[in-house]
N, C-alpha and C. Protein backbone atom coordinates (compact mmCIF):
# COMPACT_ATOMS: atom_id res chain seq x y z
N UNK A 1 63.24 124.30 59.01
CA UNK A 1 62.87 124.76 59.69
C UNK A 1 62.07 125.92 58.82
N UNK A 2 61.12 126.30 59.13
CA UNK A 2 59.88 127.15 59.55
C UNK A 2 59.61 128.23 59.88
N UNK A 3 59.97 129.48 59.73
CA UNK A 3 59.54 130.86 60.51
C UNK A 3 58.16 130.88 59.96
N UNK A 4 57.22 131.42 61.06
CA UNK A 4 55.71 131.87 61.03
C UNK A 4 55.91 133.42 60.59
N UNK A 5 55.12 133.50 59.58
CA UNK A 5 55.31 135.00 59.16
C UNK A 5 54.34 135.89 59.83
N UNK A 6 53.47 135.38 61.25
CA UNK A 6 52.70 136.21 61.92
C UNK A 6 53.73 136.66 63.04
N UNK A 7 54.36 135.71 63.62
CA UNK A 7 54.82 135.91 65.09
C UNK A 7 56.31 135.70 64.72
N UNK A 8 57.05 135.00 64.02
CA UNK A 8 58.58 134.62 64.10
C UNK A 8 58.96 133.80 64.62
N UNK A 9 58.19 132.87 65.46
CA UNK A 9 58.80 131.94 65.71
C UNK A 9 59.03 130.79 65.06
N UNK A 10 60.04 129.89 65.19
CA UNK A 10 60.35 128.85 64.35
C UNK A 10 59.57 127.40 64.45
N UNK A 11 59.46 126.98 63.75
CA UNK A 11 58.53 125.61 63.67
C UNK A 11 59.32 124.47 62.62
N UNK A 12 58.74 123.08 63.07
CA UNK A 12 59.35 121.95 62.00
C UNK A 12 58.88 122.11 60.56
N UNK A 13 59.51 121.53 60.13
CA UNK A 13 59.08 121.59 58.60
C UNK A 13 57.98 120.89 58.35
N UNK A 14 57.52 120.04 59.11
CA UNK A 14 56.44 119.19 58.66
C UNK A 14 55.11 120.03 59.81
N UNK A 15 55.32 120.79 59.89
CA UNK A 15 54.11 121.89 60.93
C UNK A 15 53.45 122.26 59.68
N UNK A 16 52.36 122.27 59.85
CA UNK A 16 50.98 122.82 58.97
C UNK A 16 50.65 124.45 59.92
N UNK A 17 50.59 124.61 61.08
CA UNK A 17 50.57 125.78 61.70
C UNK A 17 51.68 125.72 62.62
N UNK A 18 51.32 127.53 62.89
CA UNK A 18 52.59 127.54 63.96
C UNK A 18 52.41 127.27 65.64
N UNK A 19 53.19 126.44 66.29
CA UNK A 19 52.95 126.05 67.36
C UNK A 19 53.39 127.16 68.32
N UNK A 20 53.42 127.99 68.37
CA UNK A 20 53.34 129.57 68.91
C UNK A 20 52.38 130.58 68.83
N UNK A 21 51.44 130.30 67.50
CA UNK A 21 50.65 131.19 67.59
C UNK A 21 49.37 130.85 66.69
N UNK A 22 49.40 129.79 66.22
CA UNK A 22 48.02 128.79 65.45
C UNK A 22 48.29 129.48 64.05
N UNK A 23 48.85 130.48 63.18
CA UNK A 23 49.03 130.62 62.52
C UNK A 23 49.17 129.57 60.98
N UNK A 24 48.58 129.51 60.10
CA UNK A 24 48.58 128.66 59.04
C UNK A 24 49.77 129.03 58.41
N UNK A 25 50.87 127.87 58.33
CA UNK A 25 52.30 127.66 57.64
C UNK A 25 51.87 127.76 56.37
N UNK A 26 51.14 127.16 56.07
CA UNK A 26 50.91 126.42 54.42
C UNK A 26 51.40 127.64 53.54
N UNK A 27 51.03 128.77 54.02
CA UNK A 27 50.91 129.70 52.99
C UNK A 27 52.55 130.50 53.04
N UNK A 28 53.33 130.15 53.71
CA UNK A 28 54.52 130.77 54.12
C UNK A 28 55.59 129.48 54.74
N UNK A 29 57.00 129.59 53.84
CA UNK A 29 57.46 128.29 53.67
C UNK A 29 59.50 128.96 53.46
N UNK A 30 59.42 129.88 54.71
CA UNK A 30 60.46 130.44 54.53
C UNK A 30 61.49 129.57 55.20
N UNK A 31 62.35 128.42 55.12
CA UNK A 31 63.17 127.39 55.31
C UNK A 31 64.47 127.58 56.02
N UNK A 32 64.79 127.00 57.43
CA UNK A 32 66.58 128.01 57.93
C UNK A 32 66.55 126.53 58.56
N UNK A 33 68.06 127.17 59.16
CA UNK A 33 68.33 125.85 60.32
C UNK A 33 68.80 126.47 61.53
N UNK A 34 69.02 126.04 62.52
CA UNK A 34 69.74 126.71 63.67
C UNK A 34 68.53 126.86 64.96
N UNK A 35 67.50 125.99 64.97
CA UNK A 35 66.61 126.06 66.03
C UNK A 35 67.09 124.98 66.76
N UNK A 36 67.08 125.04 68.55
CA UNK A 36 67.08 123.92 69.13
C UNK A 36 65.93 123.62 69.90
N UNK A 37 65.77 122.61 70.16
CA UNK A 37 64.33 122.09 70.84
C UNK A 37 64.41 122.44 72.49
N UNK A 38 63.69 122.57 73.11
CA UNK A 38 63.67 122.84 74.56
C UNK A 38 62.68 121.88 75.40
N UNK A 39 61.91 121.11 74.46
CA UNK A 39 61.47 120.02 75.53
C UNK A 39 60.31 119.69 74.23
N UNK A 40 59.50 118.35 74.38
CA UNK A 40 58.55 118.06 73.57
C UNK A 40 57.58 117.83 74.44
N UNK A 41 56.22 118.00 73.55
CA UNK A 41 55.22 117.83 74.14
C UNK A 41 54.10 116.88 72.58
N UNK A 42 53.93 115.74 73.20
CA UNK A 42 52.81 115.36 72.08
C UNK A 42 51.54 115.85 72.49
N UNK A 43 51.16 115.89 70.87
CA UNK A 43 49.75 116.52 71.02
C UNK A 43 48.69 115.44 71.11
N UNK A 44 47.81 115.43 72.03
CA UNK A 44 46.47 114.62 72.70
C UNK A 44 45.65 114.46 71.55
N UNK A 45 45.79 114.95 70.25
CA UNK A 45 44.18 114.93 69.25
C UNK A 45 45.20 114.43 67.93
N UNK A 46 46.33 114.44 67.59
CA UNK A 46 47.17 113.75 66.40
C UNK A 46 48.01 113.04 66.77
N UNK A 47 48.97 113.42 67.82
CA UNK A 47 49.93 112.36 68.23
C UNK A 47 51.49 113.06 68.10
N UNK A 48 51.42 114.09 67.33
CA UNK A 48 52.81 114.76 66.66
C UNK A 48 53.41 115.32 67.83
N UNK A 49 54.80 114.80 67.60
CA UNK A 49 55.71 115.64 68.91
C UNK A 49 56.01 117.06 68.70
N UNK A 50 55.94 118.22 69.45
CA UNK A 50 55.94 119.46 69.46
C UNK A 50 56.94 119.94 70.49
N UNK A 51 57.73 121.05 69.90
CA UNK A 51 58.59 121.61 71.37
C UNK A 51 57.58 122.24 72.38
N UNK A 52 58.01 122.96 73.11
CA UNK A 52 57.72 123.48 74.45
C UNK A 52 56.81 124.61 73.65
N UNK A 53 55.32 124.65 73.07
CA UNK A 53 54.50 125.14 72.56
C UNK A 53 53.43 125.48 73.19
N UNK A 54 52.50 126.50 72.72
CA UNK A 54 50.93 126.79 72.86
C UNK A 54 50.04 125.74 71.99
N UNK A 55 50.45 125.73 70.81
CA UNK A 55 49.54 125.31 69.51
C UNK A 55 50.38 123.73 68.76
N UNK A 56 49.62 123.06 68.76
CA UNK A 56 50.29 121.65 67.85
C UNK A 56 50.83 122.24 66.62
N UNK A 57 51.87 122.34 65.74
CA UNK A 57 51.95 122.62 64.41
C UNK A 57 51.75 121.44 63.40
N UNK A 58 51.22 120.19 63.79
CA UNK A 58 50.46 119.72 62.70
C UNK A 58 48.79 120.23 62.52
N UNK A 59 48.31 120.21 63.52
CA UNK A 59 46.74 120.32 63.56
C UNK A 59 46.22 121.70 63.88
N UNK A 60 46.92 122.22 64.72
CA UNK A 60 46.63 123.62 65.23
C UNK A 60 46.06 122.93 66.49
N UNK A 61 45.97 122.09 67.15
CA UNK A 61 45.26 121.71 68.54
C UNK A 61 45.78 122.62 69.69
N UNK A 62 45.03 123.29 70.63
CA UNK A 62 45.88 123.98 71.83
C UNK A 62 46.44 122.64 72.94
N UNK A 63 47.86 122.99 73.10
CA UNK A 63 48.48 122.14 73.87
C UNK A 63 48.57 122.57 75.47
N UNK A 64 47.53 123.71 76.05
CA UNK A 64 47.60 123.90 77.20
C UNK A 64 47.12 122.40 77.98
N UNK A 65 46.33 122.08 77.26
CA UNK A 65 45.31 121.20 78.33
C UNK A 65 46.17 119.67 77.96
N UNK A 66 47.24 119.67 77.58
CA UNK A 66 48.04 118.47 77.48
C UNK A 66 48.39 117.93 79.27
N UNK A 67 48.66 116.57 78.96
CA UNK A 67 48.92 115.58 80.02
C UNK A 67 50.58 116.06 80.87
N UNK A 68 51.05 117.19 80.30
CA UNK A 68 52.29 117.13 80.89
C UNK A 68 52.24 118.29 82.10
N UNK A 69 52.40 117.60 82.76
CA UNK A 69 52.26 118.40 84.36
C UNK A 69 53.34 119.81 84.52
N UNK A 70 52.84 121.15 84.67
CA UNK A 70 54.07 122.10 84.99
C UNK A 70 54.87 121.93 86.41
N UNK A 71 55.96 122.60 86.31
CA UNK A 71 56.94 122.17 87.49
C UNK A 71 56.24 122.23 88.99
N UNK A 72 55.10 123.20 89.35
CA UNK A 72 54.54 123.84 90.49
C UNK A 72 53.92 122.64 91.03
N UNK A 73 53.02 121.90 89.76
CA UNK A 73 52.69 120.64 90.27
C UNK A 73 53.09 119.32 90.45
N UNK A 74 54.32 118.98 89.87
CA UNK A 74 55.09 118.09 89.94
C UNK A 74 55.52 118.29 91.59
N UNK A 75 56.39 119.41 92.06
CA UNK A 75 56.93 119.76 93.10
C UNK A 75 55.83 120.09 94.42
N UNK A 76 54.49 119.84 94.18
CA UNK A 76 53.80 120.05 95.54
C UNK A 76 53.95 119.17 96.42
N UNK A 77 53.97 119.82 98.20
CA UNK A 77 54.57 118.95 98.90
C UNK A 77 53.31 118.26 99.68
N UNK A 78 53.70 117.02 100.00
CA UNK A 78 52.77 116.22 100.75
C UNK A 78 51.99 117.12 101.94
N UNK A 79 50.92 116.26 102.41
CA UNK A 79 50.80 117.07 103.64
C UNK A 79 51.77 116.78 104.98
N UNK A 80 52.01 115.56 105.07
CA UNK A 80 52.91 114.98 106.21
C UNK A 80 54.32 116.23 106.01
N UNK A 81 54.88 116.45 104.54
CA UNK A 81 55.90 117.13 105.03
C UNK A 81 55.61 118.75 105.18
N UNK A 82 54.42 119.09 104.75
CA UNK A 82 54.07 120.22 105.52
C UNK A 82 53.95 120.53 106.74
N UNK A 83 53.35 119.11 107.73
CA UNK A 83 53.26 119.37 108.96
C UNK A 83 54.69 119.04 109.73
N UNK A 84 55.65 118.16 109.01
CA UNK A 84 57.19 118.37 109.45
C UNK A 84 57.34 119.88 109.50
N UNK A 85 57.38 120.47 108.28
CA UNK A 85 57.71 122.05 108.35
C UNK A 85 56.87 123.17 109.26
N UNK A 86 56.36 122.77 109.74
CA UNK A 86 54.94 123.76 110.49
C UNK A 86 55.93 123.04 111.87
N UNK A 87 56.20 121.94 112.41
CA UNK A 87 56.26 121.74 113.50
C UNK A 87 57.96 122.16 113.87
N UNK A 88 58.87 122.06 112.81
CA UNK A 88 60.06 122.43 113.40
C UNK A 88 59.82 124.05 113.14
N UNK A 89 59.11 124.96 112.23
CA UNK A 89 58.83 125.96 112.60
C UNK A 89 58.38 126.60 113.79
N UNK A 90 57.64 125.84 114.66
CA UNK A 90 57.34 126.19 115.49
C UNK A 90 58.65 125.53 116.85
N UNK A 91 59.26 124.93 116.70
CA UNK A 91 59.99 124.36 117.45
C UNK A 91 61.23 125.40 117.07
N UNK A 92 61.70 125.90 115.93
CA UNK A 92 62.62 127.35 116.06
C UNK A 92 62.25 128.67 116.39
N UNK A 93 60.98 128.85 116.47
CA UNK A 93 60.43 130.02 116.95
C UNK A 93 60.26 130.04 118.50
N UNK A 94 60.42 128.66 119.10
CA UNK A 94 60.15 128.86 120.45
C UNK A 94 61.71 128.57 121.41
N UNK A 95 62.52 128.39 120.58
CA UNK A 95 64.14 128.51 120.29
C UNK A 95 64.53 129.85 120.56
N UNK A 96 63.83 130.44 119.43
CA UNK A 96 64.05 132.24 119.37
C UNK A 96 63.59 132.83 120.48
N UNK A 97 61.99 132.52 121.10
CA UNK A 97 61.65 133.59 122.08
C UNK A 97 62.80 132.73 123.08
N UNK A 98 62.67 131.73 123.72
CA UNK A 98 63.77 131.69 125.23
C UNK A 98 64.70 132.58 124.84
N UNK A 99 65.44 132.71 123.88
CA UNK A 99 67.02 133.21 123.86
C UNK A 99 66.41 134.29 124.12
N UNK A 100 65.63 135.22 123.63
CA UNK A 100 65.15 136.82 124.16
C UNK A 100 64.31 136.87 124.95
N UNK A 101 63.66 136.12 125.67
CA UNK A 101 63.19 135.95 127.06
C UNK A 101 64.68 136.12 128.20
N UNK A 102 65.46 135.09 127.67
CA UNK A 102 66.60 134.67 128.76
C UNK A 102 67.55 136.11 128.59
N UNK A 103 67.81 136.74 127.64
CA UNK A 103 68.18 137.77 127.36
C UNK A 103 68.06 139.06 128.02
N UNK A 104 66.24 139.31 127.77
CA UNK A 104 65.60 140.04 128.38
C UNK A 104 66.01 140.14 129.97
N UNK A 105 65.65 138.96 130.38
CA UNK A 105 65.97 138.47 131.95
C UNK A 105 67.36 139.40 132.52
N UNK A 106 68.31 138.82 131.81
CA UNK A 106 69.47 139.04 132.05
C UNK A 106 69.95 140.38 132.11
N UNK A 107 69.36 141.45 131.24
CA UNK A 107 69.54 142.65 130.98
C UNK A 107 68.69 143.46 131.81
N UNK A 108 67.42 143.20 132.11
CA UNK A 108 66.87 144.09 133.34
C UNK A 108 66.43 143.45 134.46
N UNK A 109 66.47 142.33 134.79
CA UNK A 109 66.34 141.72 136.19
C UNK A 109 67.33 141.44 137.10
N UNK A 110 68.45 140.59 136.23
CA UNK A 110 69.22 140.05 137.07
C UNK A 110 70.67 140.82 137.48
N UNK A 111 70.80 141.80 136.41
CA UNK A 111 71.94 142.85 136.95
C UNK A 111 72.23 143.79 135.63
N UNK A 112 72.13 145.35 135.85
CA UNK A 112 72.27 146.09 134.99
C UNK A 112 73.63 146.05 134.39
N UNK A 113 74.66 145.28 135.27
CA UNK A 113 75.86 145.12 134.33
C UNK A 113 75.98 143.64 134.29
N UNK A 114 75.04 143.42 133.05
CA UNK A 114 75.51 141.75 132.93
C UNK A 114 76.12 141.31 132.07
N UNK A 115 77.73 141.90 132.00
CA UNK A 115 78.84 141.43 131.06
C UNK A 115 79.20 140.65 132.53
N UNK A 116 79.12 140.38 133.75
CA UNK A 116 79.20 139.47 134.78
C UNK A 116 78.70 138.05 134.30
N UNK A 117 77.94 137.84 133.32
CA UNK A 117 76.80 136.86 133.25
C UNK A 117 77.63 136.75 131.57
N UNK A 118 78.78 136.30 131.32
CA UNK A 118 78.70 136.50 129.78
C UNK A 118 78.38 134.89 129.39
N UNK A 119 78.66 133.96 129.81
CA UNK A 119 78.30 132.89 129.44
C UNK A 119 76.72 132.75 129.10
N UNK A 120 76.18 133.23 130.19
CA UNK A 120 74.68 133.21 130.06
C UNK A 120 74.00 134.00 128.78
N UNK A 121 74.53 134.98 128.74
CA UNK A 121 74.18 136.12 127.74
C UNK A 121 74.53 135.28 126.03
N UNK A 122 75.51 134.47 126.13
CA UNK A 122 76.42 133.94 125.10
C UNK A 122 75.09 132.53 124.58
N UNK A 123 74.82 132.16 125.86
CA UNK A 123 73.61 130.89 125.72
C UNK A 123 72.50 131.96 124.55
N UNK A 124 71.65 132.82 125.49
CA UNK A 124 70.82 133.29 125.41
C UNK A 124 70.79 133.94 124.01
N UNK A 125 71.77 134.33 123.33
CA UNK A 125 72.00 134.94 121.62
C UNK A 125 72.49 133.58 120.69
N UNK A 126 72.63 132.70 121.45
CA UNK A 126 72.89 131.12 120.59
C UNK A 126 71.67 131.16 120.17
N UNK A 127 70.68 130.84 121.16
CA UNK A 127 69.38 130.10 121.06
C UNK A 127 68.72 131.14 120.02
N UNK A 128 68.65 132.44 120.03
CA UNK A 128 67.89 133.40 119.14
C UNK A 128 68.70 133.17 117.88
N UNK A 129 69.87 132.87 117.57
CA UNK A 129 70.58 132.55 116.70
C UNK A 129 70.42 131.64 115.60
N UNK A 130 69.90 130.45 116.53
CA UNK A 130 69.74 129.28 116.09
C UNK A 130 68.48 129.10 115.47
N UNK A 131 67.19 130.01 116.46
CA UNK A 131 65.95 129.97 116.10
C UNK A 131 65.98 131.00 114.85
N UNK A 132 66.25 131.72 114.55
CA UNK A 132 66.32 132.62 113.22
C UNK A 132 66.84 131.88 112.26
N UNK A 133 68.07 131.59 112.23
CA UNK A 133 68.53 130.74 111.08
C UNK A 133 67.41 129.52 110.85
N UNK A 134 67.47 129.06 111.44
CA UNK A 134 66.17 127.79 111.41
C UNK A 134 64.97 127.94 110.94
N UNK A 135 64.45 129.19 111.42
CA UNK A 135 63.06 129.80 110.79
C UNK A 135 63.35 130.33 109.36
N UNK A 136 64.36 131.20 109.03
CA UNK A 136 64.58 131.30 107.79
C UNK A 136 64.87 130.49 106.94
N UNK A 137 65.99 129.16 106.95
CA UNK A 137 65.82 128.32 106.34
C UNK A 137 64.64 127.37 105.86
N UNK A 138 63.70 127.41 106.93
CA UNK A 138 62.44 126.73 106.70
C UNK A 138 61.72 127.47 105.51
N UNK A 139 61.41 128.80 105.96
CA UNK A 139 60.84 129.55 105.27
C UNK A 139 60.98 129.39 103.86
N UNK A 140 62.58 129.94 103.82
CA UNK A 140 63.13 130.02 102.39
C UNK A 140 63.35 128.59 101.53
N UNK A 141 63.04 127.91 102.07
CA UNK A 141 62.64 126.17 101.29
C UNK A 141 61.42 126.08 101.57
N UNK A 142 60.45 126.84 101.95
CA UNK A 142 58.92 126.18 101.59
C UNK A 142 58.48 126.16 100.40
N UNK A 143 58.98 126.94 99.30
CA UNK A 143 58.23 127.05 98.22
C UNK A 143 58.87 125.97 97.02
């Protein structure tokens, strides 16, 4: 392995340029081992296999425009899946509002002593809980 004199990154022995900063490595040949590969990117110009870096180690070509997709591009959701998430979010929001309005009605309009309506209160709280948990779960997993 060759250590770059400019940035200190470790490069393959066959690299002519640093794969991190594109510094010319032909001037510096401090060879050592102990470097583990994180992933491989094939240079579109010369075909050299590089680790996850910014520049090709052999020709100095920029690898940012390579054919490898970033994780955000790969995991982009389809429009159908986004529509399902939106519909489920509306359903959970409706459940929460139904529970909230039922609870409000029991407390303020039916009786000031709403403990006599224990089952109705629990049902309205269950609606609110399901609505909140479902909405939270959908929003958390949206990314």
